[in-house]
Amino acid sequence: MGGFVRQATVTFRIPQEEKERLEAISAKVHLPKSVLLKEAVREYLDEIEDALIALERLSRDDRNLITGEELRKRLGI
């Protein structure tokens, strides 16, 4: 039993071609456009957050970094 999730309304413009694609996919998968858009935004934000974490880690002066070759060697593969 999930709790109530607060939601907000966001309005934005997209090219007509993308709107038509969204409508076609919505009809084919029998899901509302809002469900598809929420999932698309969630996935995109997850990807951006992961990329930012990776960039932050790469920018650190971390002496514990190893190469893929060294990792395979340590794992014996």
PDB file of N, CA and C in Angstrom:
ATOM      1  N   MET A   1       0.833  -1.184   0.000  1.00  0.00           N
ATOM      2  CA  MET A   1       0.000   0.000   0.000  1.00  0.00           C
ATOM      3  C   MET A   1       0.875   1.243   0.000  1.00  0.00           C
ATOM      4  N   GLY A   2       1.018   1.854  -1.146  1.00  0.00           N
ATOM      5  CA  GLY A   2       1.839   3.046  -1.257  1.00  0.00           C
ATOM      6  C   GLY A   2       1.127   4.259  -0.696  1.00  0.00           C
ATOM      7  N   GLY A   3       1.911   5.199  -0.219  1.00  0.00           N
ATOM      8  CA  GLY A   3       1.352   6.430   0.298  1.00  0.00           C
ATOM      9  C   GLY A   3       1.017   7.386  -0.831  1.00  0.00           C
ATOM     10  N   PHE A   4       0.390   8.452  -0.470  1.00  0.00           N
ATOM     11  CA  PHE A   4       0.022   9.479  -1.436  1.00  0.00           C
ATOM     12  C   PHE A   4       1.281  10.152  -1.958  1.00  0.00           C
ATOM     13  N   VAL A   5       1.389  10.275  -3.255  1.00  0.00           N
ATOM     14  CA  VAL A   5       2.524  10.944  -3.878  1.00  0.00           C
ATOM     15  C   VAL A   5       2.056  12.296  -4.381  1.00  0.00           C
ATOM     16  N   ARG A   6       2.666  13.347  -3.844  1.00  0.00           N
ATOM     17  CA  ARG A   6       2.304  14.688  -4.302  1.00  0.00           C
ATOM     18  C   ARG A   6       2.745  14.851  -5.740  1.00  0.00           C
ATOM     19  N   GLN A   7       1.893  15.462  -6.522  1.00  0.00           N
ATOM     20  CA  GLN A   7       2.213  15.674  -7.919  1.00  0.00           C
ATOM     21  C   GLN A   7       2.064  17.138  -8.269  1.00  0.00           C
ATOM     22  N   ALA A   8       2.799  17.541  -9.275  1.00  0.00           N
ATOM     23  CA  ALA A   8       2.743  18.911  -9.751  1.00  0.00           C
ATOM     24  C   ALA A   8       2.485  18.891 -11.251  1.00  0.00           C
ATOM     25  N   THR A   9       1.956  19.964 -11.740  1.00  0.00           N
ATOM     26  CA  THR A   9       1.704  20.100 -13.165  1.00  0.00           C
ATOM     27  C   THR A   9       2.832  20.906 -13.787  1.00  0.00           C
ATOM     28  N   VAL A  10       3.331  20.404 -14.918  1.00  0.00           N
ATOM     29  CA  VAL A  10       4.367  21.095 -15.676  1.00  0.00           C
ATOM     30  C   VAL A  10       3.858  21.240 -17.104  1.00  0.00           C
ATOM     31  N   THR A  11       3.992  22.419 -17.647  1.00  0.00           N
ATOM     32  CA  THR A  11       3.566  22.666 -19.014  1.00  0.00           C
ATOM     33  C   THR A  11       4.784  23.042 -19.842  1.00  0.00           C
ATOM     34  N   PHE A  12       4.927  22.415 -21.002  1.00  0.00           N
ATOM     35  CA  PHE A  12       6.030  22.755 -21.889  1.00  0.00           C
ATOM     36  C   PHE A  12       5.614  22.479 -23.326  1.00  0.00           C
ATOM     37  N   ARG A  13       6.373  23.022 -24.250  1.00  0.00           N
ATOM     38  CA  ARG A  13       6.062  22.866 -25.664  1.00  0.00           C
ATOM     39  C   ARG A  13       7.036  21.877 -26.292  1.00  0.00           C
ATOM     40  N   ILE A  14       6.497  21.055 -27.205  1.00  0.00           N
ATOM     41  CA  ILE A  14       7.329  20.145 -27.975  1.00  0.00           C
ATOM     42  C   ILE A  14       6.933  20.293 -29.440  1.00  0.00           C
ATOM     43  N   PRO A  15       7.832  19.924 -30.340  1.00  0.00           N
ATOM     44  CA  PRO A  15       7.481  19.991 -31.762  1.00  0.00           C
ATOM     45  C   PRO A  15       6.282  19.095 -32.069  1.00  0.00           C
ATOM     46  N   GLN A  16       5.494  19.498 -33.036  1.00  0.00           N
ATOM     47  CA  GLN A  16       4.298  18.756 -33.429  1.00  0.00           C
ATOM     48  C   GLN A  16       4.635  17.304 -33.757  1.00  0.00           C
ATOM     49  N   GLU A  17       5.760  17.088 -34.429  1.00  0.00           N
ATOM     50  CA  GLU A  17       6.156  15.726 -34.801  1.00  0.00           C
ATOM     51  C   GLU A  17       6.332  14.843 -33.562  1.00  0.00           C
ATOM     52  N   GLU A  18       6.955  15.379 -32.508  1.00  0.00           N
ATOM     53  CA  GLU A  18       7.137  14.596 -31.286  1.00  0.00           C
ATOM     54  C   GLU A  18       5.812  14.343 -30.583  1.00  0.00           C
ATOM     55  N   LYS A  19       4.916  15.309 -30.642  1.00  0.00           N
ATOM     56  CA  LYS A  19       3.577  15.123 -30.060  1.00  0.00           C
ATOM     57  C   LYS A  19       2.846  13.993 -30.766  1.00  0.00           C
ATOM     58  N   GLU A  20       2.951  13.970 -32.079  1.00  0.00           N
ATOM     59  CA  GLU A  20       2.304  12.912 -32.852  1.00  0.00           C
ATOM     60  C   GLU A  20       2.915  11.546 -32.548  1.00  0.00           C
ATOM     61  N   ARG A  21       4.229  11.496 -32.397  1.00  0.00           N
ATOM     62  CA  ARG A  21       4.889  10.240 -32.020  1.00  0.00           C
ATOM     63  C   ARG A  21       4.409   9.771 -30.658  1.00  0.00           C
ATOM     64  N   LEU A  22       4.325  10.707 -29.703  1.00  0.00           N
ATOM     65  CA  LEU A  22       3.849  10.384 -28.362  1.00  0.00           C
ATOM     66  C   LEU A  22       2.426   9.835 -28.418  1.00  0.00           C
ATOM     67  N   GLU A  23       1.566  10.485 -29.183  1.00  0.00           N
ATOM     68  CA  GLU A  23       0.178  10.029 -29.301  1.00  0.00           C
ATOM     69  C   GLU A  23       0.092   8.636 -29.926  1.00  0.00           C
ATOM     70  N   ALA A  24       0.917   8.387 -30.942  1.00  0.00           N
ATOM     71  CA  ALA A  24       0.904   7.079 -31.608  1.00  0.00           C
ATOM     72  C   ALA A  24       1.367   5.980 -30.650  1.00  0.00           C
ATOM     73  N   ILE A  25       2.430   6.250 -29.928  1.00  0.00           N
ATOM     74  CA  ILE A  25       2.939   5.249 -28.978  1.00  0.00           C
ATOM     75  C   ILE A  25       1.934   5.025 -27.863  1.00  0.00           C
ATOM     76  N   SER A  26       1.348   6.101 -27.378  1.00  0.00           N
ATOM     77  CA  SER A  26       0.337   6.004 -26.322  1.00  0.00           C
ATOM     78  C   SER A  26      -0.801   5.084 -26.749  1.00  0.00           C
ATOM     79  N   ALA A  27      -1.244   5.247 -27.972  1.00  0.00           N
ATOM     80  CA  ALA A  27      -2.335   4.417 -28.486  1.00  0.00           C
ATOM     81  C   ALA A  27      -1.906   2.964 -28.642  1.00  0.00           C
ATOM     82  N   LYS A  28      -0.688   2.740 -29.112  1.00  0.00           N
ATOM     83  CA  LYS A  28      -0.203   1.378 -29.342  1.00  0.00           C
ATOM     84  C   LYS A  28      -0.008   0.598 -28.049  1.00  0.00           C
ATOM     85  N   VAL A  29       0.485   1.272 -27.007  1.00  0.00           N
ATOM     86  CA  VAL A  29       0.768   0.560 -25.749  1.00  0.00           C
ATOM     87  C   VAL A  29      -0.364   0.699 -24.737  1.00  0.00           C
ATOM     88  N   HIS A  30      -1.417   1.418 -25.126  1.00  0.00           N
ATOM     89  CA  HIS A  30      -2.598   1.591 -24.276  1.00  0.00           C
ATOM     90  C   HIS A  30      -2.247   2.191 -22.911  1.00  0.00           C
ATOM     91  N   LEU A  31      -1.400   3.219 -22.951  1.00  0.00           N
ATOM     92  CA  LEU A  31      -1.050   3.959 -21.742  1.00  0.00           C
ATOM     93  C   LEU A  31      -1.274   5.441 -22.008  1.00  0.00           C
ATOM     94  N   PRO A  32      -1.721   6.155 -20.992  1.00  0.00           N
ATOM     95  CA  PRO A  32      -1.899   7.602 -21.176  1.00  0.00           C
ATOM     96  C   PRO A  32      -0.569   8.292 -21.482  1.00  0.00           C
ATOM     97  N   LYS A  33      -0.646   9.364 -22.238  1.00  0.00           N
ATOM     98  CA  LYS A  33       0.559  10.133 -22.555  1.00  0.00           C
ATOM     99  C   LYS A  33       1.262  10.584 -21.284  1.00  0.00           C
ATOM    100  N   SER A  34       0.490  10.942 -20.257  1.00  0.00           N
ATOM    101  CA  SER A  34       1.091  11.417 -19.013  1.00  0.00           C
ATOM    102  C   SER A  34       1.955  10.343 -18.361  1.00  0.00           C
ATOM    103  N   VAL A  35       1.535   9.086 -18.447  1.00  0.00           N
ATOM    104  CA  VAL A  35       2.322   7.990 -17.878  1.00  0.00           C
ATOM    105  C   VAL A  35       3.635   7.853 -18.639  1.00  0.00           C
ATOM    106  N   LEU A  36       3.564   7.907 -19.949  1.00  0.00           N
ATOM    107  CA  LEU A  36       4.776   7.803 -20.765  1.00  0.00           C
ATOM    108  C   LEU A  36       5.736   8.960 -20.491  1.00  0.00           C
ATOM    109  N   LEU A  37       5.195  10.157 -20.386  1.00  0.00           N
ATOM    110  CA  LEU A  37       6.043  11.321 -20.130  1.00  0.00           C
ATOM    111  C   LEU A  37       6.667  11.278 -18.742  1.00  0.00           C
ATOM    112  N   LYS A  38       5.898  10.863 -17.731  1.00  0.00           N
ATOM    113  CA  LYS A  38       6.463  10.745 -16.383  1.00  0.00           C
ATOM    114  C   LYS A  38       7.622   9.766 -16.361  1.00  0.00           C
ATOM    115  N   GLU A  39       7.439   8.628 -17.016  1.00  0.00           N
ATOM    116  CA  GLU A  39       8.498   7.623 -17.056  1.00  0.00           C
ATOM    117  C   GLU A  39       9.711   8.133 -17.829  1.00  0.00           C
ATOM    118  N   ALA A  40       9.470   8.819 -18.937  1.00  0.00           N
ATOM    119  CA  ALA A  40      10.575   9.361 -19.732  1.00  0.00           C
ATOM    120  C   ALA A  40      11.376  10.380 -18.921  1.00  0.00           C
ATOM    121  N   VAL A  41      10.694  11.250 -18.211  1.00  0.00           N
ATOM    122  CA  VAL A  41      11.376  12.253 -17.387  1.00  0.00           C
ATOM    123  C   VAL A  41      12.150  11.570 -16.265  1.00  0.00           C
ATOM    124  N   ARG A  42      11.525  10.602 -15.610  1.00  0.00           N
ATOM    125  CA  ARG A  42      12.191   9.871 -14.524  1.00  0.00           C
ATOM    126  C   ARG A  42      13.471   9.202 -15.026  1.00  0.00           C
ATOM    127  N   GLU A  43      13.373   8.509 -16.162  1.00  0.00           N
ATOM    128  CA  GLU A  43      14.538   7.822 -16.734  1.00  0.00           C
ATOM    129  C   GLU A  43      15.638   8.822 -17.101  1.00  0.00           C
ATOM    130  N   TYR A  44      15.253   9.923 -17.715  1.00  0.00           N
ATOM    131  CA  TYR A  44      16.229  10.934 -18.126  1.00  0.00           C
ATOM    132  C   TYR A  44      16.934  11.538 -16.914  1.00  0.00           C
ATOM    133  N   LEU A  45      16.170  11.873 -15.896  1.00  0.00           N
ATOM    134  CA  LEU A  45      16.770  12.449 -14.698  1.00  0.00           C
ATOM    135  C   LEU A  45      17.695  11.454 -14.011  1.00  0.00           C
ATOM    136  N   ASP A  46      17.315  10.177 -13.975  1.00  0.00           N
ATOM    137  CA  ASP A  46      18.191   9.144 -13.412  1.00  0.00           C
ATOM    138  C   ASP A  46      19.512   9.081 -14.175  1.00  0.00           C
ATOM    139  N   GLU A  47      19.435   9.139 -15.499  1.00  0.00           N
ATOM    140  CA  GLU A  47      20.647   9.093 -16.328  1.00  0.00           C
ATOM    141  C   GLU A  47      21.541  10.302 -16.064  1.00  0.00           C
ATOM    142  N   ILE A  48      20.937  11.476 -15.991  1.00  0.00           N
ATOM    143  CA  ILE A  48      21.708  12.694 -15.739  1.00  0.00           C
ATOM    144  C   ILE A  48      22.372  12.627 -14.362  1.00  0.00           C
ATOM    145  N   GLU A  49      21.618  12.192 -13.352  1.00  0.00           N
ATOM    146  CA  GLU A  49      22.194  12.068 -12.001  1.00  0.00           C
ATOM    147  C   GLU A  49      23.359  11.084 -11.988  1.00  0.00           C
ATOM    148  N   ASP A  50      23.199   9.943 -12.667  1.00  0.00           N
ATOM    149  CA  ASP A  50      24.293   8.968 -12.744  1.00  0.00           C
ATOM    150  C   ASP A  50      25.517   9.569 -13.425  1.00  0.00           C
ATOM    151  N   ALA A  51      25.303  10.312 -14.500  1.00  0.00           N
ATOM    152  CA  ALA A  51      26.414  10.940 -15.214  1.00  0.00           C
ATOM    153  C   ALA A  51      27.119  11.967 -14.334  1.00  0.00           C
ATOM    154  N   LEU A  52      26.348  12.737 -13.575  1.00  0.00           N
ATOM    155  CA  LEU A  52      26.952  13.733 -12.685  1.00  0.00           C
ATOM    156  C   LEU A  52      27.773  13.070 -11.585  1.00  0.00           C
ATOM    157  N   ILE A  53      27.269  11.955 -11.050  1.00  0.00           N
ATOM    158  CA  ILE A  53      28.026  11.211 -10.039  1.00  0.00           C
ATOM    159  C   ILE A  53      29.334  10.700 -10.639  1.00  0.00           C
ATOM    160  N   ALA A  54      29.252  10.141 -11.846  1.00  0.00           N
ATOM    161  CA  ALA A  54      30.450   9.628 -12.516  1.00  0.00           C
ATOM    162  C   ALA A  54      31.460  10.741 -12.755  1.00  0.00           C
ATOM    163  N   LEU A  55      30.995  11.890 -13.229  1.00  0.00           N
ATOM    164  CA  LEU A  55      31.897  13.021 -13.470  1.00  0.00           C
ATOM    165  C   LEU A  55      32.541  13.498 -12.179  1.00  0.00           C
ATOM    166  N   GLU A  56      31.759  13.539 -11.109  1.00  0.00           N
ATOM    167  CA  GLU A  56      32.301  13.957  -9.817  1.00  0.00           C
ATOM    168  C   GLU A  56      33.392  12.992  -9.365  1.00  0.00           C
ATOM    169  N   ARG A  57      33.125  11.704  -9.508  1.00  0.00           N
ATOM    170  CA  ARG A  57      34.111  10.703  -9.094  1.00  0.00           C
ATOM    171  C   ARG A  57      35.366  10.774  -9.947  1.00  0.00           C
ATOM    172  N   LEU A  58      35.207  11.037 -11.234  1.00  0.00           N
ATOM    173  CA  LEU A  58      36.368  11.135 -12.115  1.00  0.00           C
ATOM    174  C   LEU A  58      37.215  12.370 -11.808  1.00  0.00           C
ATOM    175  N   SER A  59      36.585  13.410 -11.295  1.00  0.00           N
ATOM    176  CA  SER A  59      37.323  14.640 -11.023  1.00  0.00           C
ATOM    177  C   SER A  59      38.081  14.592  -9.695  1.00  0.00           C
ATOM    178  N   ARG A  60      37.795  13.599  -8.873  1.00  0.00           N
ATOM    179  CA  ARG A  60      38.508  13.459  -7.602  1.00  0.00           C
ATOM    180  C   ARG A  60      39.932  12.986  -7.847  1.00  0.00           C
ATOM    181  N   ASP A  61      40.806  13.366  -6.955  1.00  0.00           N
ATOM    182  CA  ASP A  61      42.181  12.865  -6.981  1.00  0.00           C
ATOM    183  C   ASP A  61      42.189  11.585  -6.150  1.00  0.00           C
ATOM    184  N   ASP A  62      41.697  10.517  -6.752  1.00  0.00           N
ATOM    185  CA  ASP A  62      41.524   9.257  -6.030  1.00  0.00           C
ATOM    186  C   ASP A  62      42.607   8.275  -6.445  1.00  0.00           C
ATOM    187  N   ARG A  63      43.433   7.919  -5.515  1.00  0.00           N
ATOM    188  CA  ARG A  63      44.549   7.011  -5.797  1.00  0.00           C
ATOM    189  C   ARG A  63      44.099   5.552  -5.870  1.00  0.00           C
ATOM    190  N   ASN A  64      42.823   5.259  -5.586  1.00  0.00           N
ATOM    191  CA  ASN A  64      42.331   3.886  -5.591  1.00  0.00           C
ATOM    192  C   ASN A  64      41.783   3.447  -6.937  1.00  0.00           C
ATOM    193  N   LEU A  65      41.884   4.315  -7.965  1.00  0.00           N
ATOM    194  CA  LEU A  65      41.387   3.957  -9.284  1.00  0.00           C
ATOM    195  C   LEU A  65      42.295   2.896  -9.901  1.00  0.00           C
ATOM    196  N   ILE A  66      41.684   1.918 -10.571  1.00  0.00           N
ATOM    197  CA  ILE A  66      42.459   0.906 -11.287  1.00  0.00           C
ATOM    198  C   ILE A  66      41.904   0.784 -12.700  1.00  0.00           C
ATOM    199  N   THR A  67      42.704   0.256 -13.581  1.00  0.00           N
ATOM    200  CA  THR A  67      42.265   0.074 -14.963  1.00  0.00           C
ATOM    201  C   THR A  67      41.390  -1.170 -15.064  1.00  0.00           C
ATOM    202  N   GLY A  68      40.669  -1.278 -16.186  1.00  0.00           N
ATOM    203  CA  GLY A  68      39.882  -2.480 -16.438  1.00  0.00           C
ATOM    204  C   GLY A  68      40.772  -3.713 -16.485  1.00  0.00           C
ATOM    205  N   GLU A  69      41.950  -3.548 -17.072  1.00  0.00           N
ATOM    206  CA  GLU A  69      42.903  -4.655 -17.150  1.00  0.00           C
ATOM    207  C   GLU A  69      43.329  -5.122 -15.753  1.00  0.00           C
ATOM    208  N   GLU A  70      43.606  -4.176 -14.873  1.00  0.00           N
ATOM    209  CA  GLU A  70      43.992  -4.521 -13.500  1.00  0.00           C
ATOM    210  C   GLU A  70      42.837  -5.201 -12.769  1.00  0.00           C
ATOM    211  N   LEU A  71      41.622  -4.746 -12.981  1.00  0.00           N
ATOM    212  CA  LEU A  71      40.463  -5.362 -12.350  1.00  0.00           C
ATOM    213  C   LEU A  71      40.315  -6.806 -12.799  1.00  0.00           C
ATOM    214  N   ARG A  72      40.411  -7.052 -14.115  1.00  0.00           N
ATOM    215  CA  ARG A  72      40.328  -8.428 -14.625  1.00  0.00           C
ATOM    216  C   ARG A  72      41.423  -9.301 -14.035  1.00  0.00           C
ATOM    217  N   LYS A  73      42.602  -8.743 -13.910  1.00  0.00           N
ATOM    218  CA  LYS A  73      43.734  -9.485 -13.329  1.00  0.00           C
ATOM    219  C   LYS A  73      43.444  -9.861 -11.885  1.00  0.00           C
ATOM    220  N   ARG A  74      42.933  -8.910 -11.120  1.00  0.00           N
ATOM    221  CA  ARG A  74      42.605  -9.177  -9.711  1.00  0.00           C
ATOM    222  C   ARG A  74      41.487 -10.205  -9.563  1.00  0.00           C
ATOM    223  N   LEU A  75      40.548 -10.186 -10.522  1.00  0.00           N
ATOM    224  CA  LEU A  75      39.423 -11.145 -10.480  1.00  0.00           C
ATOM    225  C   LEU A  75      39.785 -12.473 -11.128  1.00  0.00           C
ATOM    226  N   GLY A  76      40.929 -12.535 -11.752  1.00  0.00           N
ATOM    227  CA  GLY A  76      41.368 -13.768 -12.384  1.00  0.00           C
ATOM    228  C   GLY A  76      40.600 -14.108 -13.645  1.00  0.00           C
ATOM    229  N   ILE A  77      40.195 -13.094 -14.366  1.00  0.00           N
ATOM    230  CA  ILE A  77      39.443 -13.339 -15.618  1.00  0.00           C
ATOM    231  C   ILE A  77      40.157 -12.727 -16.802  1.00  0.00           C
TER     232      ILE A  77
END
